[in-house]
Protein backbone atom coordinates (compact mmCIF):
# COMPACT_ATOMS: atom_id res chain seq x y z
CA UNK A 1 9.47 -16.54 -2.48
CA UNK A 2 10.36 -14.91 -5.11
CA UNK A 3 13.43 -12.62 -6.89
CA UNK A 4 13.62 -9.19 -7.60
CA UNK A 5 15.84 -6.61 -9.48
CA UNK A 6 16.99 -3.70 -7.37
CA UNK A 7 18.48 -0.48 -8.03
CA UNK A 8 21.87 -1.82 -8.44
CA UNK A 9 20.18 -2.64 -12.20
CA UNK A 10 19.31 0.82 -13.37
CA UNK A 11 21.40 2.34 -16.15
CA UNK A 12 22.87 -1.07 -15.85
CA UNK A 13 21.07 -3.45 -17.24
CA UNK A 14 23.18 -6.32 -18.10
CA UNK A 15 21.03 -8.57 -18.90
CA UNK A 16 22.62 -12.19 -18.33
CA UNK A 17 19.73 -13.37 -16.07
CA UNK A 18 17.74 -13.13 -19.10
CA UNK A 19 19.39 -16.48 -20.78
CA UNK A 20 19.37 -18.64 -17.82
CA UNK A 21 15.79 -18.16 -16.29
CA UNK A 22 13.86 -21.22 -17.21
CA UNK A 23 10.23 -19.63 -17.16
CA UNK A 24 11.06 -16.29 -18.89
CA UNK A 25 9.65 -14.06 -16.23
CA UNK A 26 12.06 -10.79 -16.77
CA UNK A 27 10.75 -7.58 -18.16
CA UNK A 28 12.32 -4.70 -19.87
CA UNK A 29 12.02 -1.35 -19.52
CA UNK A 30 14.17 1.63 -21.31
CA UNK A 31 17.15 1.39 -18.54
CA UNK A 32 16.57 -1.57 -15.91
CA UNK A 33 14.67 -5.22 -15.73
CA UNK A 34 12.22 -6.39 -13.15
CA UNK A 35 11.08 -9.92 -12.88
CA UNK A 36 7.19 -10.77 -12.62
CA UNK A 37 6.97 -12.02 -9.23
CA UNK A 38 3.79 -13.91 -9.87
CA UNK A 39 5.52 -15.91 -12.84
CA UNK A 40 8.90 -16.64 -11.04
CA UNK A 41 9.59 -20.06 -10.26
CA UNK A 42 12.36 -18.86 -7.22
CA UNK A 43 14.85 -21.10 -8.87
CA UNK A 44 17.85 -18.62 -8.10
CA UNK A 45 19.60 -18.99 -11.13
CA UNK A 46 19.53 -15.45 -12.45
CA UNK A 47 20.80 -14.08 -8.82
CA UNK A 48 24.84 -15.29 -9.57
CA UNK A 49 24.30 -14.41 -13.03
CA UNK A 50 23.62 -10.30 -12.57
CA UNK A 51 27.30 -8.70 -12.78
CA UNK A 52 25.75 -5.82 -10.91
CA UNK A 53 24.53 -7.74 -8.31
CA UNK A 54 20.70 -6.58 -8.39
CA UNK A 55 18.76 -9.36 -7.92
CA UNK A 56 17.41 -10.57 -4.47
CA UNK A 57 15.29 -12.71 -2.61
CA UNK A 58 12.52 -11.18 -1.69
CA UNK A 59 13.20 -12.82 1.79
CA UNK A 60 15.83 -9.71 2.53
CA UNK A 61 15.14 -7.14 4.60
CA UNK A 62 14.01 -4.28 3.09
CA UNK A 63 12.88 -4.72 -0.51
CA UNK A 64 8.98 -4.26 -0.17
CA UNK A 65 9.32 -1.08 -2.29
CA UNK A 66 11.36 -3.46 -5.28
CA UNK A 67 8.98 -5.97 -4.73
CA UNK A 68 6.09 -3.65 -5.38
CA UNK A 69 7.79 -2.05 -8.63
CA UNK A 70 8.59 -5.42 -10.23
CA UNK A 71 5.36 -6.37 -9.78
CA UNK A 72 3.88 -3.24 -11.63
CA UNK A 73 6.21 -2.65 -13.91
CA UNK A 74 6.47 -6.23 -15.29
CA UNK A 75 2.43 -5.96 -15.93
CA UNK A 76 3.20 -3.21 -18.64
CA UNK A 77 7.03 -3.57 -19.58
CA UNK A 78 7.46 -6.36 -22.61
CA UNK A 79 8.34 -9.47 -21.99
CA UNK A 80 12.17 -10.02 -22.48
CA UNK A 81 13.72 -13.72 -23.42
CA UNK A 82 16.87 -12.90 -25.09
CA UNK A 83 19.75 -11.14 -23.84
CA UNK A 84 20.57 -7.72 -25.39
CA UNK A 85 23.96 -5.67 -25.31
CA UNK A 86 23.99 -3.53 -21.78
CA UNK A 87 24.17 0.50 -22.60
CA UNK A 88 27.54 1.29 -23.32
CA UNK A 89 27.84 3.57 -20.06
CA UNK A 90 26.86 -0.13 -18.07
CA UNK A 91 30.35 -0.04 -16.21
CA UNK A 92 30.20 3.64 -14.94
CA UNK A 93 26.61 2.97 -13.24
CA UNK A 94 27.70 -0.37 -11.59
CA UNK A 95 28.13 -0.07 -7.76
CA UNK A 96 26.31 3.90 -7.82
CA UNK A 97 24.10 4.69 -5.34
CA UNK A 98 20.92 6.36 -5.20
CA UNK A 99 20.23 5.70 -8.80
CA UNK A 100 16.41 5.43 -8.50
CA UNK A 101 14.94 8.76 -7.85
CA UNK A 102 17.41 10.25 -10.39
CA UNK A 103 17.67 8.04 -12.78
CA UNK A 104 14.45 5.12 -12.93
CA UNK A 105 12.52 5.19 -16.40
CA UNK A 106 9.08 4.24 -16.19
CA UNK A 107 9.15 3.64 -19.82
CA UNK A 108 8.78 -0.12 -21.60
CA UNK A 109 12.30 -1.16 -23.29
CA UNK A 110 11.88 -2.79 -26.68
CA UNK A 111 11.77 -6.39 -25.28
CA UNK A 112 12.56 -9.62 -27.24
């Protein structure tokens, strides 16, 4: 099992999860984070820290797309180990459905 970051993170990118990860398996995109599935140790400490409820165990149904997205972008986005500031409009995007089709950016973030 591993944990995956889902669509709920897009444009919210709170980064509370980054601070608690004991193995630094988060990678930063322009408007979301992903978890490297080969580095995640399945400890689960990140899941309750996410204000947007964007982190789910990959054992939940219908997360195959998100597992693939996390795996592929973790290979090209920079690692992030220090919590940064979320976007100023993060709360406005929190809970909005169907953000992937219109708002996902494949561009890397700044990392740390």
